[in-house]
């Protein structure tokens, strides 16, 4: 389960995506028969930094979306790229744990 997005001079883009393999590809859920399940999304770019904000239901019913916990820990991975393009390769990546309350 993935969210891919960016901000650019012409606006913003968001994709509700799914990784079909260990390292990809990451097609949008709709291409696999799923649904776009982001409720709200916003992207801004300022002073060389991009901020992506989005929300979706914890449980969407889409087989290409993970069921998110309402409490406890949520492990996630992140990656960033240097280009505003769905197919651009990432240049940095990492992992984090969010505490859901």
Protein backbone atom coordinates (compact mmCIF):
# COMPACT_ATOMS: atom_id res chain seq x y z
CA UNK A 1 0.00 0.00 0.00
CA UNK A 2 1.58 3.26 -1.10
CA UNK A 3 0.83 6.93 -1.56
CA UNK A 4 2.92 8.71 -4.18
CA UNK A 5 2.72 12.46 -4.62
CA UNK A 6 4.45 15.73 -5.38
CA UNK A 7 4.02 19.47 -5.66
CA UNK A 8 5.11 21.46 -8.70
CA UNK A 9 4.66 24.86 -10.33
CA UNK A 10 1.56 23.54 -12.10
CA UNK A 11 -0.13 22.00 -9.04
CA UNK A 12 0.05 18.72 -7.21
CA UNK A 13 -0.40 15.04 -7.93
CA UNK A 14 -1.33 12.11 -5.69
CA UNK A 15 -1.61 8.41 -6.45
CA UNK A 16 -3.06 5.65 -4.27
CA UNK A 17 -0.68 2.89 -5.38
CA UNK A 18 0.33 -0.69 -4.65
CA UNK A 19 3.70 -2.41 -5.01
CA UNK A 20 3.25 -5.62 -7.00
CA UNK A 21 6.76 -6.84 -6.13
CA UNK A 22 9.44 -6.39 -3.51
CA UNK A 23 10.88 -3.39 -5.35
CA UNK A 24 7.96 -2.54 -7.64
CA UNK A 25 6.46 -1.63 -9.94
CA UNK A 26 3.98 0.60 -8.07
CA UNK A 27 0.89 1.03 -10.27
CA UNK A 28 -2.11 3.05 -9.09
CA UNK A 29 -4.75 0.88 -7.39
CA UNK A 30 -7.24 1.64 -10.20
CA UNK A 31 -4.96 -0.05 -12.76
CA UNK A 32 -5.19 -3.25 -10.69
CA UNK A 33 -8.97 -3.12 -10.22
CA UNK A 34 -8.87 -1.28 -6.89
CA UNK A 35 -10.07 2.19 -6.00
CA UNK A 36 -8.60 5.62 -5.26
CA UNK A 37 -9.20 5.95 -1.51
CA UNK A 38 -7.56 9.22 -0.47
CA UNK A 39 -10.18 11.45 1.16
CA UNK A 40 -8.14 14.65 1.25
CA UNK A 41 -4.73 15.47 -0.17
CA UNK A 42 -2.55 18.56 -0.25
CA UNK A 43 1.03 19.17 -1.36
CA UNK A 44 3.13 22.28 -0.90
CA UNK A 45 6.67 23.17 -1.87
CA UNK A 46 8.61 25.93 -0.12
CA UNK A 47 12.31 26.74 0.11
CA UNK A 48 13.26 23.42 -1.50
CA UNK A 49 11.07 21.29 0.78
CA UNK A 50 7.94 19.42 -0.24
CA UNK A 51 5.22 18.57 2.27
CA UNK A 52 2.59 15.95 1.45
CA UNK A 53 -0.54 15.70 3.59
CA UNK A 54 -3.33 13.22 3.01
CA UNK A 55 -6.01 11.25 4.79
CA UNK A 56 -7.88 8.04 4.13
CA UNK A 57 -10.05 5.64 6.11
CA UNK A 58 -8.26 3.14 8.33
CA UNK A 59 -10.15 0.36 6.52
CA UNK A 60 -11.08 1.05 2.89
CA UNK A 61 -12.29 -2.36 1.71
CA UNK A 62 -9.86 -2.10 -1.22
CA UNK A 63 -7.70 -5.25 -1.47
CA UNK A 64 -4.79 -2.99 -2.50
CA UNK A 65 -4.92 -0.92 0.70
CA UNK A 66 -3.49 -2.13 4.01
CA UNK A 67 -5.80 -2.06 7.02
CA UNK A 68 -4.32 0.60 9.31
CA UNK A 69 -4.44 0.22 13.10
CA UNK A 70 -6.49 2.69 15.13
CA UNK A 71 -4.01 2.34 18.01
CA UNK A 72 -0.53 1.00 18.56
CA UNK A 73 2.36 1.25 16.15
CA UNK A 74 2.30 1.67 12.38
CA UNK A 75 5.54 0.84 10.57
CA UNK A 76 6.14 2.65 7.31
CA UNK A 77 8.80 3.26 4.73
CA UNK A 78 9.36 6.48 2.80
CA UNK A 79 11.30 7.47 -0.29
CA UNK A 80 11.97 10.77 -2.02
CA UNK A 81 12.95 11.62 -5.57
CA UNK A 82 14.44 14.64 -7.25
CA UNK A 83 11.84 14.81 -10.06
CA UNK A 84 8.09 15.45 -10.03
CA UNK A 85 7.26 12.34 -12.02
CA UNK A 86 5.41 9.11 -11.18
CA UNK A 87 8.13 6.96 -12.74
CA UNK A 88 11.13 8.83 -11.25
CA UNK A 89 13.52 6.76 -9.17
CA UNK A 90 13.99 7.70 -5.51
CA UNK A 91 17.30 9.13 -4.32
CA UNK A 92 16.78 8.63 -0.57
CA UNK A 93 14.71 6.31 1.58
CA UNK A 94 14.12 5.34 5.17
CA UNK A 95 11.74 3.85 7.69
CA UNK A 96 9.71 5.18 10.58
CA UNK A 97 7.20 4.07 13.19
CA UNK A 98 4.11 6.14 13.95
CA UNK A 99 2.22 5.85 17.22
CA UNK A 100 -1.50 5.69 16.37
CA UNK A 101 -3.78 7.08 19.07
